[in-house]
Amino acid sequence: MIRSDENEAYATEVLRRYDEFRAWTIGNWPNHDDPLASGDFSAGRKELAVLLDARLDGVVARSPLPAAADGGTGDPDAGQFLPVTPAPWP
């Protein structure tokens, strides 16, 4: 049986490689008229996390995984939440 720390190291490595692949794909995307963004890969990253969590005894659920700081918008200054409160009526 594989130890929990080996599971965690494996899950971390898989997600690190996926993030490298995402960065390379965005940087080398040939269609400049319709560029890719980090958000285009969020579903794939979630699927990987679910797969790793199910097959490696919940190691992903126990270890904090780095999330995209841009909220998937491609804008590094964007936070997790968007302001949705309307301005007061004049």
C-alpha atoms as a PDB file:
ATOM      1  CA  MET A   1       0.000   0.000   0.000  1.00  0.00           C
ATOM      2  CA  ILE A   2       1.278   3.466  -0.874  1.00  0.00           C
ATOM      3  CA  ARG A   3       1.816   5.849   2.024  1.00  0.00           C
ATOM      4  CA  SER A   4      -0.188   9.044   2.353  1.00  0.00           C
ATOM      5  CA  ASP A   5       2.858  11.300   1.885  1.00  0.00           C
ATOM      6  CA  GLU A   6       3.668   9.505  -1.386  1.00  0.00           C
ATOM      7  CA  ASN A   7       0.070  10.036  -2.519  1.00  0.00           C
ATOM      8  CA  GLU A   8       0.285  13.714  -1.663  1.00  0.00           C
ATOM      9  CA  ALA A   9       3.609  14.118  -3.476  1.00  0.00           C
ATOM     10  CA  TYR A  10       2.207  12.377  -6.557  1.00  0.00           C
ATOM     11  CA  ALA A  11      -0.958  14.515  -6.595  1.00  0.00           C
ATOM     12  CA  THR A  12       1.091  17.692  -6.177  1.00  0.00           C
ATOM     13  CA  GLU A  13       3.401  16.685  -9.047  1.00  0.00           C
ATOM     14  CA  VAL A  14       0.494  15.856 -11.386  1.00  0.00           C
ATOM     15  CA  LEU A  15      -1.157  19.215 -10.733  1.00  0.00           C
ATOM     16  CA  ARG A  16       2.171  21.069 -11.077  1.00  0.00           C
ATOM     17  CA  ARG A  17       2.732  19.464 -14.473  1.00  0.00           C
ATOM     18  CA  TYR A  18      -0.818  20.314 -15.538  1.00  0.00           C
ATOM     19  CA  ASP A  19      -0.215  23.952 -14.566  1.00  0.00           C
ATOM     20  CA  GLU A  20       3.031  23.942 -16.596  1.00  0.00           C
ATOM     21  CA  PHE A  21       1.131  22.491 -19.563  1.00  0.00           C
ATOM     22  CA  ARG A  22      -1.552  25.179 -19.189  1.00  0.00           C
ATOM     23  CA  ALA A  23       1.046  27.969 -19.110  1.00  0.00           C
ATOM     24  CA  TRP A  24       2.865  26.546 -22.150  1.00  0.00           C
ATOM     25  CA  THR A  25      -0.389  26.150 -24.079  1.00  0.00           C
ATOM     26  CA  ILE A  26      -1.479  29.724 -23.369  1.00  0.00           C
ATOM     27  CA  GLY A  27       1.959  31.081 -24.289  1.00  0.00           C
ATOM     28  CA  ASN A  28       2.209  29.121 -27.547  1.00  0.00           C
ATOM     29  CA  TRP A  29      -1.399  29.323 -28.747  1.00  0.00           C
ATOM     30  CA  PRO A  30      -1.228  30.068 -32.501  1.00  0.00           C
ATOM     31  CA  ASN A  31      -4.610  31.822 -32.882  1.00  0.00           C
ATOM     32  CA  HIS A  32      -3.872  35.339 -31.630  1.00  0.00           C
ATOM     33  CA  ASP A  33      -7.349  36.526 -32.627  1.00  0.00           C
ATOM     34  CA  ASP A  34      -8.932  34.191 -30.058  1.00  0.00           C
ATOM     35  CA  PRO A  35      -6.372  33.779 -27.232  1.00  0.00           C
ATOM     36  CA  LEU A  36      -6.673  31.242 -24.447  1.00  0.00           C
ATOM     37  CA  ALA A  37      -7.044  32.224 -20.791  1.00  0.00           C
ATOM     38  CA  SER A  38      -6.424  30.385 -17.533  1.00  0.00           C
ATOM     39  CA  GLY A  39     -10.171  29.947 -17.119  1.00  0.00           C
ATOM     40  CA  ASP A  40     -10.273  27.766 -20.224  1.00  0.00           C
ATOM     41  CA  PHE A  41      -8.450  25.091 -18.228  1.00  0.00           C
ATOM     42  CA  SER A  42     -10.292  25.305 -14.903  1.00  0.00           C
ATOM     43  CA  ALA A  43     -12.646  22.395 -15.680  1.00  0.00           C
ATOM     44  CA  GLY A  44      -9.708  20.140 -16.572  1.00  0.00           C
ATOM     45  CA  ARG A  45      -7.910  21.002 -13.341  1.00  0.00           C
ATOM     46  CA  LYS A  46     -11.047  20.281 -11.327  1.00  0.00           C
ATOM     47  CA  GLU A  47     -11.449  16.915 -13.072  1.00  0.00           C
ATOM     48  CA  LEU A  48      -7.843  16.027 -12.246  1.00  0.00           C
ATOM     49  CA  ALA A  49      -8.389  16.971  -8.615  1.00  0.00           C
ATOM     50  CA  VAL A  50     -11.546  14.825  -8.443  1.00  0.00           C
ATOM     51  CA  LEU A  51      -9.776  11.870 -10.058  1.00  0.00           C
ATOM     52  CA  LEU A  52      -6.758  12.138  -7.769  1.00  0.00           C
ATOM     53  CA  ASP A  53      -8.977  12.543  -4.716  1.00  0.00           C
ATOM     54  CA  ALA A  54     -11.071   9.479  -5.569  1.00  0.00           C
ATOM     55  CA  ARG A  55      -8.138   7.222  -6.421  1.00  0.00           C
ATOM     56  CA  LEU A  56      -5.635   8.348  -3.777  1.00  0.00           C
ATOM     57  CA  ASP A  57      -7.777   8.109  -0.634  1.00  0.00           C
ATOM     58  CA  GLY A  58      -8.810  11.745  -0.404  1.00  0.00           C
ATOM     59  CA  VAL A  59      -5.296  13.181  -0.418  1.00  0.00           C
ATOM     60  CA  VAL A  60      -6.388  16.173  -2.517  1.00  0.00           C
ATOM     61  CA  ALA A  61      -9.173  17.019  -0.074  1.00  0.00           C
ATOM     62  CA  ARG A  62      -6.697  17.062   2.833  1.00  0.00           C
ATOM     63  CA  SER A  63      -3.962  19.102   1.189  1.00  0.00           C
ATOM     64  CA  PRO A  64      -4.515  22.688   0.093  1.00  0.00           C
ATOM     65  CA  LEU A  65      -4.000  23.037  -3.640  1.00  0.00           C
ATOM     66  CA  PRO A  66      -2.920  26.284  -5.250  1.00  0.00           C
ATOM     67  CA  ALA A  67      -5.795  27.854  -7.128  1.00  0.00           C
ATOM     68  CA  ALA A  68      -5.586  30.359  -9.916  1.00  0.00           C
ATOM     69  CA  ALA A  69      -5.137  33.739  -8.235  1.00  0.00           C
ATOM     70  CA  ASP A  70      -6.917  35.429 -11.117  1.00  0.00           C
ATOM     71  CA  GLY A  71     -10.189  33.567 -10.558  1.00  0.00           C
ATOM     72  CA  GLY A  72      -9.894  32.093 -14.050  1.00  0.00           C
ATOM     73  CA  THR A  73     -10.243  35.461 -15.775  1.00  0.00           C
ATOM     74  CA  GLY A  74      -6.661  35.756 -16.982  1.00  0.00           C
ATOM     75  CA  ASP A  75      -6.310  39.050 -15.085  1.00  0.00           C
ATOM     76  CA  PRO A  76      -3.755  38.711 -12.248  1.00  0.00           C
ATOM     77  CA  ASP A  77      -5.276  41.756 -10.481  1.00  0.00           C
ATOM     78  CA  ALA A  78      -8.752  40.183 -10.375  1.00  0.00           C
ATOM     79  CA  GLY A  79      -9.738  38.801  -7.006  1.00  0.00           C
ATOM     80  CA  GLN A  80     -11.814  35.790  -6.189  1.00  0.00           C
ATOM     81  CA  PHE A  81     -15.007  37.827  -6.013  1.00  0.00           C
ATOM     82  CA  LEU A  82     -16.409  40.414  -8.382  1.00  0.00           C
ATOM     83  CA  PRO A  83     -18.197  43.488  -7.025  1.00  0.00           C
ATOM     84  CA  VAL A  84     -21.881  43.067  -7.791  1.00  0.00           C
ATOM     85  CA  THR A  85     -23.452  45.697  -5.537  1.00  0.00           C
ATOM     86  CA  PRO A  86     -24.850  48.457  -7.739  1.00  0.00           C
ATOM     87  CA  ALA A  87     -23.983  52.061  -7.068  1.00  0.00           C
ATOM     88  CA  PRO A  88     -26.642  54.062  -5.201  1.00  0.00           C
ATOM     89  CA  TRP A  89     -29.206  55.910  -7.276  1.00  0.00           C
ATOM     90  CA  PRO A  90     -28.330  59.624  -7.564  1.00  0.00           C
END
